[in-house]
Amino acid sequence: QVQLVESGGGLVQAGGSLRLSCAASGRTFASYAMGWFRQAPGKEREFVAGIIGSGASAYYVDDVKGRFTISRDNAKNSVYLQMNSLKPADTAVYYCNAASKLHSLVVGTTEDLGSWGQGTQVTVSS
């Protein structure tokens, strides 16, 4: 099973940018679709963006399209989330996860997701 460690969060003003990183263990990283999720205070965790194993295709929720970009470096067992034009509504703890299929990340197929890491806090001030 893939072990995941998120980093890169912080406090930023509205309109600013952050780049999140997720380091994964395991020799089969390239075979997994990877995704970013977030959980705001008092809300359920939600899918934000996902990318297939090769990195050739990605999927975003409407709220972040055009602002966030997911990418991966399979040689470094890492996935990234570049977040631009941040809004206060983006404030949340951000998590990454892995699944055998991108669809599992998008719909939250629990049995296909890996273990959750500790996440990284993103706070956007107005």
Foldseek 3Di string as FASTA:
>chain_A
DKDKDKDWADEEAAQAKTKIKIAIDDDPLLQWKKFKWWDDPPGDIATAKIAHSVRPDMDGDPVQPPFWDWGADVVRRMIMIIGGRDDQVPWTFMWMWIFNDRVCRNVVVPVGIDDIDPGHTHGYHD
